[in-house]
Amino acid sequence: MRQSQMIIPTLKETPADAEIKSHQLLVRAGYIRQTVSGVYSYLPLGNKVLKNIEKIVREEMDKAGSVEMLMPALQSSDLWKQTGRWYKLGPELMRLHDRHDREFALGATHEEVITSHLRDEIKSYKKLPLNVYQIQTKFRDEQRPRFGLLRGREFVMKDAYSFHTSYQSLDEAYDKMFQAYKNIFSRCGLNFRAVIADSGAMGGKDTHEFMVLSEIGEDTIAYSNQSDFAANIEMAPVRVTYEESKDGFKKLEFIDTPGYKTMNQVSKFIEQPLENGIKSLLFKVDDRFVLVLSRGDHEINDIKLKNALGTSEVELATEEQIKQLFKADAGSIGPVNVPEAIEVIADYAVSVMRNVYCGANQTDKHYINANIDRDFKITSYQDLRFIQEGDPSPDGLGTIKFAKGIEVGHVFKLGTFYAEKLGAQYLNEQGKQETMIMGCYGIGVSRTLAAIVEQYNDENGIKWPVAITPYHVHLITVNPKDKEQLELSEKIYDQLQMENISVLFDDRKERPGVKFADSDLIGLPIRITVGKKASEGIVECKLRENGGEQEDFEVTSIVEKINSLIK
């Protein structure tokens, strides 16, 4: 394609609202343009990259036995109300009414729609298992769209759904999808981890997120420095063997801690380390209150707490609720003399503690030398804290390190939740009705595009991996007014096209410096420059990845040379 015929509006200056590299470079290099907050148009180069990622996705999904279809973006509220998600998803679900005042949503996801289709079309076990996918625009009314394509209100997603007669069949499909995702992100050239995750509003269990490692990631990954173990920090189990204290019980003492509310403040005031204290947090769980204890230097993990208590939601009690129940400020509550109606649970680390300090359930008062069983009781112990760097890896290999990650894919074992709500059943071999078992598998295609740019860039612009670049070769004529340069460039352009090598031909009447700067910004893998040696049949080759290394070679070997570089 001739660059003079393309829409590639490059910018010298960084847009003021672009906070991260991918957003800055995709705008500056003319790949995307914002129409309204969180909504972007993909200009020709951006669209080509998007289609190249989609091609990889399609190839791997087809290989894994999934069949492509396309479902509507406009969805009736009736299906969402049947599953309860019409209300649960809240304001992020884009809602609208038609002229007859019927309620609709713009699809953020398609579990309801696909389940209703399979419910109506599949009646026998003979048609199962079945795995279908689509690549489509999704919508989410983000309160604060940011980071360009990473958090928008309109985005491109691949979502797949599998239907089964047994959990063994679901496990097999899940493993195939898991491997397909690894293949997809590897082919895109990404440095990523598949991490254990929480299913959130999707429901189900046994779920993994695929995280691209990046400092601007909004999620923290806990991974082993010696194995493949990786988990979202919210889901990483703690496998620490705590040593029981050998100290004998000391006398319980009641002390003043005037104005000291936090663990750090109390620790410094009484001159004891954080790990000697018990942190007490009151949570409202459904219609009851639970006091949750952890070591002073540990943090309670809401996801683990929710799972341990078998509930879908937990929230910290308000100051007013705490004062009503404990007659004390939040910074002074503790496990001694807890009101009878309140259950007390603790993280495993608390079980071996001796002679601890803790809140005394009186404002500005604390106990020191408090001990379990003698001074207070604990109903149960659970793994409730966030894992920390340096903890043993849960798989027994190495220790835990932290990294930031961008979520680009998620796979779920949904089970029967949606099928039960929507009545998706089939006749088994005995002619009896059974409920379908489901899996769900999503990839943020436009997010993946942005994540690639986050990992592949330098101070001059983007550096596309060969597999997803919009063009393999950037052909530049230094001086289009020079007849020999122009003729040789045209000859190379025709030759590369005949050999099915994708090429962007910069035939613009611009200064060489502008062309080279734009070339680095756009980031195609190979630059071929036709300049002063055109009369000798010699051109210059530069690999974008190498950042400046250049090599001269004869034009007679150009196809062989470029093919070898692409491979």
Protein backbone atom coordinates (compact mmCIF):
# COMPACT_ATOMS: atom_id res chain seq x y z
CA MET A 1 0.00 0.00 0.00
CA ARG A 2 1.22 3.47 -0.90
CA GLN A 3 1.49 5.72 2.13
CA SER A 4 0.23 8.70 0.14
CA GLN A 5 -3.10 6.86 -0.16
CA MET A 6 -3.35 5.95 3.53
CA ILE A 7 -4.78 7.74 6.57
CA ILE A 8 -1.80 7.74 8.96
CA PRO A 9 -2.04 11.05 10.86
CA THR A 10 1.14 10.95 12.94
CA LEU A 11 1.72 13.45 15.75
CA LYS A 12 4.95 14.87 17.14
CA GLU A 13 3.49 15.79 20.53
CA THR A 14 2.09 13.40 23.12
CA PRO A 15 -1.68 13.86 23.70
CA ALA A 16 -2.33 15.49 27.07
CA ASP A 17 -4.89 12.88 28.16
CA ALA A 18 -2.73 9.85 27.28
CA GLU A 19 -1.27 8.48 30.54
CA ILE A 20 0.43 5.28 29.35
CA LYS A 21 2.77 4.30 26.51
CA SER A 22 0.28 2.27 24.45
CA HIS A 23 -2.28 5.08 24.47
CA GLN A 24 0.34 7.70 23.62
CA LEU A 25 1.96 5.73 20.81
CA LEU A 26 -1.21 4.37 19.19
CA VAL A 27 -2.55 7.93 18.94
CA ARG A 28 0.77 9.51 17.89
CA ALA A 29 1.46 6.83 15.27
CA GLY A 30 -2.00 7.21 13.73
CA TYR A 31 -3.47 3.84 14.71
CA ILE A 32 -6.50 5.05 16.70
CA ARG A 33 -8.53 8.19 17.31
CA GLN A 34 -10.97 8.89 20.14
CA THR A 35 -14.54 9.82 19.18
CA VAL A 36 -15.87 10.27 22.74
CA SER A 37 -14.40 9.28 26.12
CA GLY A 38 -13.65 5.55 26.14
CA VAL A 39 -14.68 5.02 22.49
CA TYR A 40 -12.12 4.77 19.66
CA SER A 41 -12.01 4.44 15.90
CA TYR A 42 -9.37 2.11 14.47
CA LEU A 43 -7.67 3.88 11.58
CA PRO A 44 -6.31 1.72 8.73
CA LEU A 45 -3.09 0.67 10.51
CA GLY A 46 -4.91 -0.03 13.78
CA ASN A 47 -7.58 -2.02 11.98
CA LYS A 48 -4.95 -4.17 10.24
CA VAL A 49 -3.28 -5.01 13.57
CA LEU A 50 -6.66 -5.82 15.10
CA LYS A 51 -7.47 -8.15 12.19
CA ASN A 52 -4.08 -9.87 12.50
CA ILE A 53 -4.74 -10.60 16.17
CA GLU A 54 -8.22 -11.85 15.28
CA LYS A 55 -6.69 -14.15 12.65
CA ILE A 56 -4.44 -15.76 15.26
CA VAL A 57 -7.40 -16.11 17.62
CA ARG A 58 -9.54 -17.74 14.91
CA GLU A 59 -6.82 -20.19 13.92
CA GLU A 60 -6.25 -21.37 17.49
CA MET A 61 -9.96 -21.50 18.37
CA ASP A 62 -10.73 -23.51 15.22
CA LYS A 63 -7.84 -25.84 16.01
CA ALA A 64 -9.27 -26.37 19.51
CA GLY A 65 -12.64 -27.42 18.05
CA SER A 66 -14.63 -24.23 18.60
CA VAL A 67 -17.04 -23.04 15.87
CA GLU A 68 -17.47 -19.36 15.03
CA MET A 69 -20.87 -17.63 15.06
CA LEU A 70 -22.11 -14.07 15.62
CA MET A 71 -24.70 -12.95 18.17
CA PRO A 72 -26.46 -9.58 18.46
CA ALA A 73 -25.01 -6.75 20.48
CA LEU A 74 -28.55 -5.63 21.36
CA GLN A 75 -30.00 -7.94 24.03
CA SER A 76 -33.43 -8.10 25.65
CA SER A 77 -33.54 -7.42 29.39
CA ASP A 78 -35.77 -10.50 29.88
CA LEU A 79 -32.85 -12.94 29.65
CA TRP A 80 -30.69 -10.87 31.98
CA LYS A 81 -33.51 -10.66 34.51
CA GLN A 82 -33.91 -14.44 34.47
CA THR A 83 -30.29 -14.88 35.57
CA GLY A 84 -30.44 -11.93 38.00
CA ARG A 85 -27.58 -10.08 36.33
CA TRP A 86 -29.80 -7.24 35.11
CA TYR A 87 -29.67 -5.94 38.66
CA LYS A 88 -26.32 -7.35 39.79
CA LEU A 89 -24.16 -5.70 37.09
CA GLY A 90 -25.44 -2.26 38.04
CA PRO A 91 -24.67 0.94 36.11
CA GLU A 92 -21.84 -0.56 34.05
CA LEU A 93 -24.41 -2.39 31.92
CA MET A 94 -25.39 -0.11 28.99
CA ARG A 95 -29.21 0.01 29.08
CA LEU A 96 -31.73 1.54 26.66
CA HIS A 97 -35.41 1.48 25.65
CA ASP A 98 -36.94 1.07 22.20
CA ARG A 99 -39.94 3.06 20.88
CA HIS A 100 -42.30 0.61 22.60
CA ASP A 101 -40.53 1.23 25.94
CA ARG A 102 -39.06 -2.29 26.02
CA GLU A 103 -35.77 -2.62 27.92
CA PHE A 104 -32.54 -3.68 26.23
CA ALA A 105 -28.86 -3.82 27.00
CA LEU A 106 -25.81 -3.48 24.78
CA GLY A 107 -23.96 -6.72 25.36
CA ALA A 108 -21.11 -6.65 27.85
CA THR A 109 -21.03 -10.45 27.52
CA HIS A 110 -23.23 -13.15 25.98
CA GLU A 111 -23.85 -15.98 28.49
CA GLU A 112 -27.59 -15.33 28.51
CA VAL A 113 -27.98 -15.15 24.72
CA ILE A 114 -25.94 -18.24 23.88
CA THR A 115 -27.59 -20.29 26.63
CA SER A 116 -31.04 -19.39 25.31
CA HIS A 117 -29.98 -20.48 21.79
CA LEU A 118 -28.65 -23.83 22.99
CA ARG A 119 -31.74 -24.33 25.17
CA ASP A 120 -33.95 -23.94 22.10
CA GLU A 121 -31.80 -25.87 19.60
CA ILE A 122 -30.13 -28.74 21.48
CA LYS A 123 -32.47 -31.43 22.83
CA SER A 124 -30.31 -34.58 22.99
CA TYR A 125 -27.03 -35.65 24.57
CA LYS A 126 -25.97 -36.73 21.07
CA LYS A 127 -25.39 -33.08 20.12
CA LEU A 128 -23.08 -32.43 23.08
CA PRO A 129 -20.38 -31.39 23.79
CA LEU A 130 -20.49 -28.21 21.74
CA ASN A 131 -18.13 -25.22 21.71
CA VAL A 132 -18.91 -21.93 19.91
CA TYR A 133 -17.22 -18.53 19.79
CA GLN A 134 -17.61 -15.06 18.34
CA ILE A 135 -15.48 -11.94 17.89
CA GLN A 136 -17.60 -8.88 18.49
CA THR A 137 -17.79 -5.38 19.93
CA LYS A 138 -18.82 -5.24 23.61
CA PHE A 139 -20.02 -2.34 25.72
CA ARG A 140 -19.44 -1.32 29.33
CA ASP A 141 -20.40 2.03 30.84
CA GLU A 142 -17.14 2.61 32.67
CA GLN A 143 -17.40 5.39 35.23
CA ARG A 144 -13.87 6.53 34.42
CA PRO A 145 -12.56 5.31 31.05
CA ARG A 146 -8.77 5.53 31.00
CA PHE A 147 -5.57 4.08 29.56
CA GLY A 148 -6.83 4.18 25.96
CA LEU A 149 -7.82 0.71 24.76
CA LEU A 150 -7.17 -0.90 28.15
CA ARG A 151 -10.26 0.50 29.87
CA GLY A 152 -12.87 1.73 27.42
CA ARG A 153 -16.63 1.80 27.08
CA GLU A 154 -16.54 -0.01 23.73
CA PHE A 155 -14.07 -2.81 23.03
CA VAL A 156 -13.49 -5.84 20.82
CA MET A 157 -13.70 -9.24 22.52
CA LYS A 158 -13.60 -12.89 21.61
CA ASP A 159 -16.00 -14.88 23.77
CA ALA A 160 -16.50 -18.64 23.61
CA TYR A 161 -18.95 -20.94 25.37
CA SER A 162 -18.90 -24.70 25.77
CA PHE A 163 -21.81 -27.00 26.72
CA HIS A 164 -21.44 -30.48 28.21
CA THR A 165 -23.16 -33.50 29.70
CA SER A 166 -20.46 -34.12 32.35
CA TYR A 167 -17.83 -32.28 34.35
CA GLN A 168 -15.19 -34.55 32.86
CA SER A 169 -16.16 -33.25 29.41
CA LEU A 170 -16.00 -29.66 30.73
CA ASP A 171 -12.52 -30.32 32.14
CA GLU A 172 -11.35 -31.56 28.74
CA ALA A 173 -12.71 -28.47 26.96
CA TYR A 174 -11.23 -26.17 29.61
CA ASP A 175 -7.78 -27.73 29.10
CA LYS A 176 -8.08 -27.27 25.32
CA MET A 177 -9.10 -23.63 25.71
CA PHE A 178 -6.32 -23.07 28.24
CA GLN A 179 -3.75 -24.39 25.75
CA ALA A 180 -5.33 -22.40 22.89
CA TYR A 181 -4.96 -19.22 24.94
CA LYS A 182 -1.33 -19.99 25.69
CA ASN A 183 -0.77 -20.49 21.96
CA ILE A 184 -2.55 -17.23 21.06
CA PHE A 185 -0.61 -15.02 23.45
CA SER A 186 2.68 -16.75 22.62
CA ARG A 187 2.11 -16.18 18.90
CA CYS A 188 1.41 -12.51 19.66
CA GLY A 189 4.88 -12.36 21.22
CA LEU A 190 3.65 -11.50 24.71
CA ASN A 191 5.37 -12.12 28.04
CA PHE A 192 2.41 -13.40 30.06
CA ARG A 193 1.35 -15.65 32.94
CA ALA A 194 -1.76 -17.81 33.35
CA VAL A 195 -2.86 -17.09 36.91
CA ILE A 196 -5.42 -18.57 39.31
CA ALA A 197 -8.27 -16.06 39.58
CA ASP A 198 -11.63 -15.21 41.12
CA SER A 199 -14.75 -15.66 38.96
CA GLY A 200 -16.44 -12.51 40.28
CA ALA A 201 -19.84 -11.68 38.77
CA MET A 202 -19.45 -14.44 36.14
CA GLY A 203 -20.15 -17.16 38.70
CA GLY A 204 -18.68 -20.65 38.60
CA LYS A 205 -15.30 -21.82 39.83
CA ASP A 206 -11.92 -23.08 38.57
CA THR A 207 -10.89 -20.03 36.62
CA HIS A 208 -7.64 -18.59 35.25
CA GLU A 209 -6.73 -15.12 34.04
CA PHE A 210 -4.09 -14.57 31.38
CA MET A 211 -1.96 -11.63 32.47
CA VAL A 212 0.52 -9.69 30.35
CA LEU A 213 3.36 -8.52 32.57
CA SER A 214 3.48 -4.73 32.65
CA GLU A 215 4.27 -2.05 35.20
CA ILE A 216 1.04 -0.23 34.34
CA GLY A 217 -1.09 -3.30 35.03
CA GLU A 218 -3.94 -2.83 37.50
CA ASP A 219 -3.64 -6.37 38.90
CA THR A 220 -0.88 -7.82 41.06
CA ILE A 221 0.38 -11.31 40.22
CA ALA A 222 1.99 -13.55 42.80
CA TYR A 223 4.35 -15.99 41.06
CA SER A 224 7.04 -18.49 42.02
CA ASN A 225 10.65 -17.73 41.18
CA GLN A 226 11.27 -21.44 40.55
CA SER A 227 8.09 -22.87 38.98
CA ASP A 228 5.07 -22.12 36.77
CA PHE A 229 2.87 -21.24 39.74
CA ALA A 230 1.10 -17.90 39.32
CA ALA A 231 -2.07 -16.47 40.83
CA ASN A 232 -3.88 -13.19 41.14
CA ILE A 233 -2.83 -11.86 44.54
CA GLU A 234 -6.47 -12.09 45.64
CA MET A 235 -6.51 -15.86 45.04
CA ALA A 236 -2.98 -16.99 45.93
CA PRO A 237 -3.22 -19.47 48.83
CA VAL A 238 -0.78 -19.08 51.72
CA ARG A 239 1.13 -22.27 52.58
CA VAL A 240 3.27 -21.15 55.51
CA THR A 241 4.18 -23.35 58.44
CA TYR A 242 4.00 -21.03 61.43
CA GLU A 243 6.20 -21.83 64.41
CA GLU A 244 4.37 -21.90 67.73
CA SER A 245 5.74 -19.53 70.34
CA LYS A 246 7.46 -21.20 73.33
CA ASP A 247 6.74 -18.23 75.62
CA GLY A 248 4.65 -18.83 78.70
CA PHE A 249 1.48 -16.84 79.28
CA LYS A 250 2.11 -13.41 80.77
CA LYS A 251 -0.35 -11.41 82.85
CA LEU A 252 -3.02 -9.59 80.80
CA GLU A 253 -2.60 -5.82 81.11
CA PHE A 254 -4.94 -2.94 80.26
CA ILE A 255 -3.20 0.18 78.87
CA ASP A 256 -4.02 3.64 77.59
CA THR A 257 -3.32 4.36 73.91
CA PRO A 258 -4.55 7.95 73.61
CA GLY A 259 -5.35 8.92 70.02
CA TYR A 260 -3.60 5.89 68.53
CA LYS A 261 -5.93 4.11 66.10
CA THR A 262 -3.88 2.14 63.57
CA MET A 263 -1.66 -0.90 64.10
CA ASN A 264 1.40 1.12 63.08
CA GLN A 265 0.62 3.85 65.59
CA VAL A 266 -0.01 1.45 68.47
CA SER A 267 3.07 -0.62 67.58
CA LYS A 268 5.34 2.43 67.81
CA PHE A 269 3.68 3.74 70.97
CA ILE A 270 4.08 0.49 72.96
CA GLU A 271 7.40 -0.33 71.26
CA GLN A 272 6.41 -3.78 70.04
CA PRO A 273 6.72 -5.08 66.46
CA LEU A 274 3.68 -5.26 64.20
CA GLU A 275 3.81 -9.07 64.07
CA ASN A 276 3.17 -9.20 67.85
CA GLY A 277 -0.21 -7.50 67.47
CA ILE A 278 -3.64 -8.71 66.41
CA LYS A 279 -5.54 -6.65 63.87
CA SER A 280 -9.34 -6.85 64.39
CA LEU A 281 -11.75 -5.94 61.58
CA LEU A 282 -15.55 -6.17 61.80
CA PHE A 283 -17.32 -7.30 58.62
CA LYS A 284 -21.00 -7.37 57.76
CA VAL A 285 -21.78 -10.71 56.12
CA ASP A 286 -25.35 -10.92 54.80
CA ASP A 287 -27.43 -10.19 57.93
CA ARG A 288 -24.74 -10.90 60.56
CA PHE A 289 -21.43 -9.50 61.79
CA VAL A 290 -18.11 -11.37 61.92
CA LEU A 291 -14.93 -10.22 63.68
CA VAL A 292 -11.92 -11.20 61.59
CA LEU A 293 -8.44 -11.40 63.14
CA SER A 294 -5.05 -11.28 61.47
CA ARG A 295 -1.46 -10.70 62.52
CA GLY A 296 -0.61 -7.01 62.68
CA ASP A 297 1.68 -7.11 59.65
CA HIS A 298 -0.82 -9.03 57.48
CA GLU A 299 -3.78 -7.78 55.41
CA ILE A 300 -7.17 -9.51 55.25
CA ASN A 301 -8.12 -10.65 51.73
CA ASP A 302 -11.81 -9.91 51.03
CA ILE A 303 -12.04 -12.59 48.34
CA LYS A 304 -10.69 -15.31 50.63
CA LEU A 305 -12.98 -14.12 53.42
CA LYS A 306 -16.00 -14.23 51.09
CA ASN A 307 -15.12 -17.76 49.99
CA ALA A 308 -14.40 -18.94 53.56
CA LEU A 309 -17.79 -17.69 54.75
CA GLY A 310 -19.64 -19.07 51.72
CA THR A 311 -21.16 -15.75 50.70
CA SER A 312 -21.15 -13.61 47.57
CA GLU A 313 -20.39 -10.32 49.31
CA VAL A 314 -18.69 -9.01 52.45
CA GLU A 315 -18.25 -5.40 53.53
CA LEU A 316 -16.51 -3.62 56.37
CA ALA A 317 -18.85 -2.50 59.12
CA THR A 318 -19.42 1.24 59.36
CA GLU A 319 -18.12 3.36 62.25
CA GLU A 320 -21.70 3.73 63.44
CA GLN A 321 -22.28 -0.06 63.44
CA ILE A 322 -18.99 -0.65 65.29
CA LYS A 323 -19.83 1.89 67.98
CA GLN A 324 -23.30 0.43 68.39
CA LEU A 325 -22.00 -3.12 68.86
CA PHE A 326 -18.67 -2.54 70.66
CA LYS A 327 -19.21 0.86 72.33
CA ALA A 328 -15.76 1.82 70.99
CA ASP A 329 -14.05 3.38 67.97
CA ALA A 330 -12.90 1.08 65.15
CA GLY A 331 -9.22 1.51 66.09
CA SER A 332 -9.80 0.10 69.59
CA ILE A 333 -11.84 -3.08 68.97
CA GLY A 334 -10.41 -6.52 69.67
CA PRO A 335 -11.25 -10.18 70.43
CA VAL A 336 -11.47 -9.95 74.26
CA ASN A 337 -15.05 -9.72 75.58
CA VAL A 338 -16.67 -9.69 72.16
CA PRO A 339 -20.50 -9.37 72.12
CA GLU A 340 -22.04 -12.87 72.12
CA ALA A 341 -23.81 -12.58 68.76
CA ILE A 342 -20.57 -11.91 66.89
CA GLU A 343 -18.58 -14.83 65.45
CA VAL A 344 -14.78 -14.57 65.69
CA ILE A 345 -12.61 -16.14 62.99
CA ALA A 346 -8.88 -15.76 62.38
CA ASP A 347 -6.15 -16.27 59.85
CA TYR A 348 -3.92 -19.30 60.49
CA ALA A 349 -1.01 -17.06 61.53
CA VAL A 350 -2.95 -16.02 64.65
CA SER A 351 -3.17 -19.61 65.96
CA VAL A 352 0.48 -19.69 67.14
CA MET A 353 0.64 -16.19 68.63
CA ARG A 354 1.35 -15.62 72.34
CA ASN A 355 1.16 -12.55 74.57
CA VAL A 356 -0.24 -10.30 71.89
CA TYR A 357 -1.47 -6.73 72.00
CA CYS A 358 -4.96 -5.95 70.70
CA GLY A 359 -7.85 -3.52 71.03
CA ALA A 360 -9.70 -3.60 74.36
CA ASN A 361 -13.16 -2.62 73.04
CA GLN A 362 -12.90 0.74 74.76
CA THR A 363 -11.90 3.86 72.85
CA ASP A 364 -8.17 4.64 73.26
CA LYS A 365 -7.59 1.43 75.26
CA HIS A 366 -5.61 -1.72 74.38
CA TYR A 367 -4.59 -4.99 76.01
CA ILE A 368 -1.07 -6.40 76.07
CA ASN A 369 -0.23 -10.05 76.80
CA ALA A 370 -3.59 -11.34 75.56
CA ASN A 371 -3.71 -15.08 74.78
CA ILE A 372 -6.02 -17.37 72.85
CA ASP A 373 -8.27 -19.65 74.94
CA ARG A 374 -7.30 -17.93 78.18
CA ASP A 375 -8.54 -14.43 77.27
CA PHE A 376 -10.58 -14.95 74.11
CA LYS A 377 -12.00 -17.69 71.87
CA ILE A 378 -11.77 -18.19 68.12
CA THR A 379 -14.49 -20.10 66.26
CA SER A 380 -12.35 -21.21 63.32
CA TYR A 381 -9.05 -20.63 61.52
CA GLN A 382 -8.86 -20.06 57.76
CA ASP A 383 -6.42 -18.86 55.11
CA LEU A 384 -7.61 -15.25 55.11
CA ARG A 385 -4.61 -13.06 54.38
CA PHE A 386 -2.94 -11.78 51.25
CA ILE A 387 0.19 -13.67 50.28
CA GLN A 388 3.40 -11.64 50.61
CA GLU A 389 6.65 -11.48 48.67
CA GLY A 390 9.11 -13.93 50.19
CA ASP A 391 6.41 -16.38 51.33
CA PRO A 392 6.95 -20.00 50.18
CA SER A 393 5.29 -20.73 46.83
CA PRO A 394 2.05 -22.71 47.41
CA ASP A 395 3.31 -25.49 45.13
CA GLY A 396 6.35 -26.00 47.34
CA LEU A 397 8.83 -24.76 44.72
CA GLY A 398 10.66 -21.49 45.35
CA THR A 399 9.39 -18.30 46.92
CA ILE A 400 6.79 -15.73 45.90
CA LYS A 401 7.58 -12.67 43.81
CA PHE A 402 5.15 -9.92 42.73
CA ALA A 403 4.57 -8.43 39.28
CA LYS A 404 1.94 -6.16 37.76
CA GLY A 405 -0.25 -7.53 35.01
CA ILE A 406 -2.80 -6.52 32.36
CA GLU A 407 -5.64 -9.03 32.06
CA VAL A 408 -6.11 -10.02 28.41
CA GLY A 409 -7.94 -13.34 28.77
CA HIS A 410 -10.10 -15.26 31.24
CA VAL A 411 -11.35 -18.87 31.24
CA PHE A 412 -14.16 -20.10 33.54
CA LYS A 413 -15.84 -23.34 34.50
CA LEU A 414 -19.34 -21.96 34.89
CA GLY A 415 -21.09 -25.21 35.86
CA THR A 416 -24.89 -25.14 35.68
CA PHE A 417 -25.72 -21.62 36.92
CA TYR A 418 -26.88 -20.12 33.61
CA ALA A 419 -28.37 -23.35 32.28
CA GLU A 420 -30.51 -23.74 35.43
CA LYS A 421 -31.69 -20.13 35.35
CA LEU A 422 -32.63 -20.30 31.66
CA GLY A 423 -33.83 -23.92 31.51
CA ALA A 424 -31.14 -25.29 29.16
CA GLN A 425 -31.75 -29.05 29.35
CA TYR A 426 -31.26 -32.11 27.20
CA LEU A 427 -32.41 -35.74 27.17
CA ASN A 428 -29.75 -38.17 28.44
CA GLU A 429 -29.22 -41.74 27.21
CA GLN A 430 -32.06 -42.94 29.47
CA GLY A 431 -34.45 -40.30 28.08
CA LYS A 432 -34.39 -38.18 31.25
CA GLN A 433 -33.98 -34.41 31.40
CA GLU A 434 -30.63 -33.11 32.62
CA THR A 435 -29.15 -29.62 32.88
CA MET A 436 -26.31 -28.61 30.58
CA ILE A 437 -22.90 -27.86 32.12
CA MET A 438 -21.10 -24.77 30.78
CA GLY A 439 -17.69 -23.23 30.31
CA CYS A 440 -16.89 -19.66 29.24
CA TYR A 441 -13.70 -18.31 27.65
CA GLY A 442 -12.96 -14.63 26.85
CA ILE A 443 -10.12 -12.68 25.22
CA GLY A 444 -9.94 -8.89 25.05
CA VAL A 445 -8.77 -8.50 21.46
CA SER A 446 -8.40 -4.71 21.55
CA ARG A 447 -6.84 -4.98 25.02
CA THR A 448 -4.32 -7.44 23.60
CA LEU A 449 -3.38 -4.89 20.93
CA ALA A 450 -2.65 -2.29 23.62
CA ALA A 451 -0.80 -4.81 25.80
CA ILE A 452 1.51 -5.68 22.89
CA VAL A 453 2.43 -2.01 22.49
CA GLU A 454 3.11 -1.77 26.24
CA GLN A 455 5.73 -4.50 25.88
CA TYR A 456 7.05 -3.54 22.42
CA ASN A 457 8.18 0.08 22.29
CA ASP A 458 11.15 2.37 22.79
CA GLU A 459 11.72 6.11 22.97
CA ASN A 460 11.12 6.44 19.20
CA GLY A 461 7.87 4.52 18.87
CA ILE A 462 6.29 1.08 18.50
CA LYS A 463 8.22 -2.10 17.63
CA TRP A 464 5.67 -4.58 16.27
CA PRO A 465 6.26 -8.34 16.52
CA VAL A 466 6.27 -9.91 13.05
CA ALA A 467 3.10 -11.96 13.67
CA ILE A 468 0.76 -9.01 14.15
CA THR A 469 2.44 -6.06 12.42
CA PRO A 470 0.22 -4.16 9.94
CA TYR A 471 2.95 -4.51 7.27
CA HIS A 472 6.22 -6.40 7.32
CA VAL A 473 8.22 -3.88 5.32
CA HIS A 474 8.38 -0.09 5.31
CA LEU A 475 9.81 0.94 1.93
CA ILE A 476 11.16 4.51 1.92
CA THR A 477 12.33 6.56 -1.04
CA VAL A 478 14.71 9.19 0.32
CA ASN A 479 14.24 11.56 -2.64
CA PRO A 480 11.18 10.85 -4.85
CA LYS A 481 12.39 13.53 -7.28
CA ASP A 482 15.46 11.38 -8.06
CA LYS A 483 14.47 9.27 -11.08
CA GLU A 484 16.75 6.32 -10.24
CA GLN A 485 15.57 6.18 -6.62
CA LEU A 486 11.92 6.34 -7.61
CA GLU A 487 12.23 3.70 -10.36
CA LEU A 488 14.10 1.28 -8.09
CA SER A 489 11.54 1.85 -5.31
CA GLU A 490 8.66 1.11 -7.70
CA LYS A 491 10.43 -2.05 -8.88
CA ILE A 492 10.96 -3.26 -5.29
CA TYR A 493 7.36 -2.40 -4.38
CA ASP A 494 5.97 -4.46 -7.29
CA GLN A 495 8.33 -7.35 -6.57
CA LEU A 496 7.42 -7.57 -2.88
CA GLN A 497 3.72 -7.48 -3.67
CA MET A 498 4.11 -10.28 -6.20
CA GLU A 499 5.83 -12.36 -3.50
CA ASN A 500 2.96 -11.65 -1.04
CA ILE A 501 5.24 -9.69 1.28
CA SER A 502 3.15 -6.95 2.89
CA VAL A 503 4.73 -3.56 2.29
CA LEU A 504 3.95 0.05 3.11
CA PHE A 505 5.56 2.27 0.46
CA ASP A 506 6.36 5.79 1.71
CA ASP A 507 6.07 7.63 -1.59
CA ARG A 508 5.22 10.95 0.06
CA LYS A 509 6.97 14.16 -0.94
CA GLU A 510 8.34 14.72 2.55
CA ARG A 511 11.80 15.39 3.94
CA PRO A 512 13.84 12.22 4.77
CA GLY A 513 13.92 13.14 8.47
CA VAL A 514 10.11 13.22 8.62
CA LYS A 515 9.88 9.86 6.85
CA PHE A 516 12.40 8.17 9.15
CA ALA A 517 10.80 9.60 12.30
CA ASP A 518 7.35 8.42 11.15
CA SER A 519 8.79 5.03 10.28
CA ASP A 520 10.22 4.54 13.79
CA LEU A 521 6.95 5.75 15.31
CA ILE A 522 4.78 3.42 13.21
CA GLY A 523 7.13 0.56 14.07
CA LEU A 524 7.11 -1.90 11.14
CA PRO A 525 9.72 -4.67 11.63
CA ILE A 526 11.82 -4.07 8.50
CA ARG A 527 12.77 -0.76 6.84
CA ILE A 528 14.14 -0.75 3.31
CA THR A 529 15.59 2.61 2.30
CA VAL A 530 16.27 3.48 -1.33
CA GLY A 531 18.82 6.30 -1.35
CA LYS A 532 22.07 7.47 -2.92
CA LYS A 533 23.24 3.96 -3.89
CA ALA A 534 20.14 3.28 -6.00
CA SER A 535 22.19 3.64 -9.19
CA GLU A 536 24.37 0.74 -7.95
CA GLY A 537 21.33 -1.45 -7.18
CA ILE A 538 22.06 -1.24 -3.45
CA VAL A 539 19.51 -0.49 -0.71
CA GLU A 540 19.75 -0.10 3.03
CA CYS A 541 17.99 -2.44 5.49
CA LYS A 542 17.22 -1.63 9.12
CA LEU A 543 15.48 -3.86 11.66
CA ARG A 544 13.20 -1.87 13.95
CA GLU A 545 13.90 -4.31 16.77
CA ASN A 546 17.64 -3.58 16.66
CA GLY A 547 17.07 0.14 17.09
CA GLY A 548 19.51 1.58 14.57
CA GLU A 549 21.68 -1.18 13.13
CA GLN A 550 21.75 -0.85 9.34
CA GLU A 551 22.99 -3.09 6.54
CA ASP A 552 23.46 -2.55 2.80
CA PHE A 553 22.60 -5.30 0.33
CA GLU A 554 21.97 -5.74 -3.37
CA VAL A 555 18.42 -5.41 -4.59
CA THR A 556 18.72 -8.69 -6.54
CA SER A 557 18.58 -10.60 -3.25
CA ILE A 558 15.86 -8.51 -1.62
CA VAL A 559 13.07 -11.13 -1.56
CA GLU A 560 15.35 -13.81 -0.13
CA LYS A 561 16.72 -11.34 2.42
CA ILE A 562 13.32 -10.14 3.63
CA ASN A 563 11.85 -13.63 3.81
CA SER A 564 14.76 -14.76 5.96
CA LEU A 565 14.28 -11.77 8.27
CA ILE A 566 10.53 -12.37 8.57
CA LYS A 567 11.09 -16.02 9.47
